[in-house]
């Protein structure tokens, strides 16, 4: 599982011109799922995201987590995070899980994150063509891959 996590002051997902979901102060999480991902990856990644100290404290130091600031979260599935660009100029997505595997893992991740955050998590729509708008605060962008837990 690969995640791009952005600290945002606001974010929204629109499908065909209609806003599907929106958050304020919190995290926009783009999530890529591969065939080898498991429930263990889901639990580890959710915990790691909840514990990331990437929000400013009173002194302006990144020392607080999303839980500490009572932030919101949005998760959008993005298979292109597993693009292989080794050969040629057209990325290959052979490592990205197909919907039959990815959808249940995506749903399970959203449920786990919601449980860990103790509030609903906003989402995109799996497989839809989405327009994502966000204001990356900082900017702060973190990339986490569950296959590289070092």
Protein backbone atom coordinates (compact mmCIF):
# COMPACT_ATOMS: atom_id res chain seq x y z
CA UNK A 1 0.00 0.00 0.00
CA UNK A 2 1.32 3.38 -0.93
CA UNK A 3 -0.06 6.67 0.38
CA UNK A 4 0.57 10.29 -0.43
CA UNK A 5 -0.55 12.31 2.59
CA UNK A 6 -1.08 16.05 2.30
CA UNK A 7 -1.84 18.40 5.17
CA UNK A 8 -4.67 20.58 3.90
CA UNK A 9 -6.66 23.56 5.06
CA UNK A 10 -9.42 22.38 2.72
CA UNK A 11 -10.01 19.74 0.07
CA UNK A 12 -12.87 18.50 -2.07
CA UNK A 13 -13.65 15.82 -4.63
CA UNK A 14 -16.01 16.52 -7.53
CA UNK A 15 -17.46 14.02 -9.98
CA UNK A 16 -19.07 15.33 -13.16
CA UNK A 17 -19.12 18.85 -11.71
CA UNK A 18 -20.85 17.86 -8.45
CA UNK A 19 -18.99 17.96 -5.13
CA UNK A 20 -19.05 14.47 -3.63
CA UNK A 21 -17.11 15.25 -0.45
CA UNK A 22 -15.27 18.04 1.28
CA UNK A 23 -13.07 18.51 4.33
CA UNK A 24 -11.44 21.39 6.15
CA UNK A 25 -8.31 21.27 8.33
CA UNK A 26 -6.95 17.74 8.01
CA UNK A 27 -5.39 15.23 5.65
CA UNK A 28 -5.95 14.38 1.99
CA UNK A 29 -4.77 10.80 1.50
CA UNK A 30 -4.21 9.41 -1.99
CA UNK A 31 -4.09 5.62 -1.65
CA UNK A 32 -2.56 3.12 -4.06
CA UNK A 33 -3.25 -0.58 -3.50
CA UNK A 34 -1.29 -3.50 -4.91
CA UNK A 35 -2.02 -7.22 -5.07
CA UNK A 36 0.25 -8.11 -2.15
CA UNK A 37 -1.50 -5.77 0.31
CA UNK A 38 -3.22 -7.27 3.35
CA UNK A 39 -5.18 -6.33 6.44
CA UNK A 40 -1.86 -5.96 8.26
CA UNK A 41 -0.86 -3.20 5.81
CA UNK A 42 -4.18 -1.46 6.42
CA UNK A 43 -3.80 -1.46 10.20
CA UNK A 44 -0.15 -0.37 10.10
CA UNK A 45 -0.77 2.45 7.61
CA UNK A 46 -3.83 3.77 9.43
CA UNK A 47 -1.96 3.84 12.76
CA UNK A 48 1.05 5.51 11.15
CA UNK A 49 -1.11 8.24 9.59
CA UNK A 50 -2.93 8.86 12.88
CA UNK A 51 0.38 9.27 14.71
CA UNK A 52 2.15 11.50 12.21
CA UNK A 53 3.06 14.73 13.96
CA UNK A 54 2.69 17.09 11.01
CA UNK A 55 0.38 19.78 12.41
CA UNK A 56 1.76 22.91 14.05
CA UNK A 57 1.65 23.41 17.79
CA UNK A 58 1.31 26.85 19.46
CA UNK A 59 4.97 27.61 18.66
CA UNK A 60 4.58 26.75 14.98
CA UNK A 61 6.49 23.47 15.29
CA UNK A 62 5.09 20.35 13.58
CA UNK A 63 4.41 18.48 16.79
CA UNK A 64 0.71 17.53 16.67
CA UNK A 65 -1.18 14.68 14.99
CA UNK A 66 -4.51 14.78 13.17
CA UNK A 67 -6.05 13.37 16.36
CA UNK A 68 -4.55 16.19 18.45
CA UNK A 69 -5.98 18.90 16.17
CA UNK A 70 -9.31 17.07 15.72
CA UNK A 71 -8.73 17.18 11.97
CA UNK A 72 -10.72 15.62 9.17
CA UNK A 73 -9.56 13.08 6.59
CA UNK A 74 -10.35 12.25 2.99
CA UNK A 75 -9.17 9.13 1.16
CA UNK A 76 -9.07 8.89 -2.63
CA UNK A 77 -8.04 5.70 -4.42
CA UNK A 78 -5.23 6.31 -6.91
CA UNK A 79 -3.87 3.28 -8.76
CA UNK A 80 -1.30 5.46 -10.56
CA UNK A 81 0.77 5.56 -7.36
CA UNK A 82 1.99 2.10 -8.40
CA UNK A 83 3.12 3.19 -11.87
CA UNK A 84 6.27 1.56 -13.13
CA UNK A 85 8.32 3.86 -15.35
CA UNK A 86 11.36 1.64 -15.87
CA UNK A 87 10.82 1.04 -19.59
CA UNK A 88 9.71 3.52 -22.20
CA UNK A 89 7.58 6.58 -21.62
CA UNK A 90 4.18 5.03 -20.98
CA UNK A 91 3.80 3.99 -17.33
CA UNK A 92 2.84 0.41 -16.60
CA UNK A 93 0.32 -0.34 -13.86
CA UNK A 94 0.96 -4.07 -13.50
CA UNK A 95 1.61 -3.67 -9.77
CA UNK A 96 -1.68 -1.88 -9.09
CA UNK A 97 -4.41 -4.19 -7.80
CA UNK A 98 -7.45 -4.76 -10.01
CA UNK A 99 -10.83 -3.62 -8.63
CA UNK A 100 -11.76 -7.10 -7.34
CA UNK A 101 -8.85 -6.92 -4.91
CA UNK A 102 -8.51 -3.15 -4.51
CA UNK A 103 -12.13 -2.20 -3.70
CA UNK A 104 -12.47 -4.40 -0.58
CA UNK A 105 -9.05 -3.28 0.69
CA UNK A 106 -9.88 0.38 0.00
CA UNK A 107 -13.19 0.06 1.86
CA UNK A 108 -11.46 -1.71 4.75
CA UNK A 109 -8.81 1.03 4.93
CA UNK A 110 -11.47 3.77 5.03
CA UNK A 111 -13.28 1.91 7.85
CA UNK A 112 -10.05 1.42 9.79
CA UNK A 113 -9.05 5.06 9.42
CA UNK A 114 -12.52 6.20 10.48
CA UNK A 115 -12.32 3.93 13.52
CA UNK A 116 -8.84 5.18 14.46
CA UNK A 117 -9.85 8.82 13.93
CA UNK A 118 -13.16 8.28 15.73
CA UNK A 119 -15.11 10.17 13.06
CA UNK A 120 -16.32 9.61 9.51
CA UNK A 121 -13.73 9.78 6.74
CA UNK A 122 -14.69 11.40 3.45
CA UNK A 123 -13.93 9.59 0.19
CA UNK A 124 -13.81 9.85 -3.53
CA UNK A 125 -15.56 7.25 -5.68
CA UNK A 126 -13.53 4.20 -6.62
CA UNK A 127 -12.98 4.04 -10.39
CA UNK A 128 -14.64 7.39 -11.14
CA UNK A 129 -12.98 10.23 -12.98
CA UNK A 130 -12.60 12.78 -10.19
CA UNK A 131 -11.49 16.38 -9.91
CA UNK A 132 -9.64 16.99 -6.67
CA UNK A 133 -9.15 20.47 -5.28
CA UNK A 134 -7.04 21.16 -2.24
CA UNK A 135 -5.00 23.74 -0.45
CA UNK A 136 -1.85 22.01 0.73
CA UNK A 137 -0.96 23.80 3.93
CA UNK A 138 2.73 24.31 4.51
CA UNK A 139 3.14 22.67 2.05
CA UNK A 140 3.39 19.36 3.86
CA UNK A 141 3.40 16.16 1.78
CA UNK A 142 4.48 12.76 3.12
CA UNK A 143 4.81 9.52 1.13
CA UNK A 144 4.47 6.21 2.95
CA UNK A 145 4.84 2.71 1.48
CA UNK A 146 3.90 -0.25 3.67
CA UNK A 147 6.52 -2.34 1.87
CA UNK A 148 9.22 0.00 3.21
CA UNK A 149 8.51 0.32 6.95
CA UNK A 150 12.02 1.47 7.87
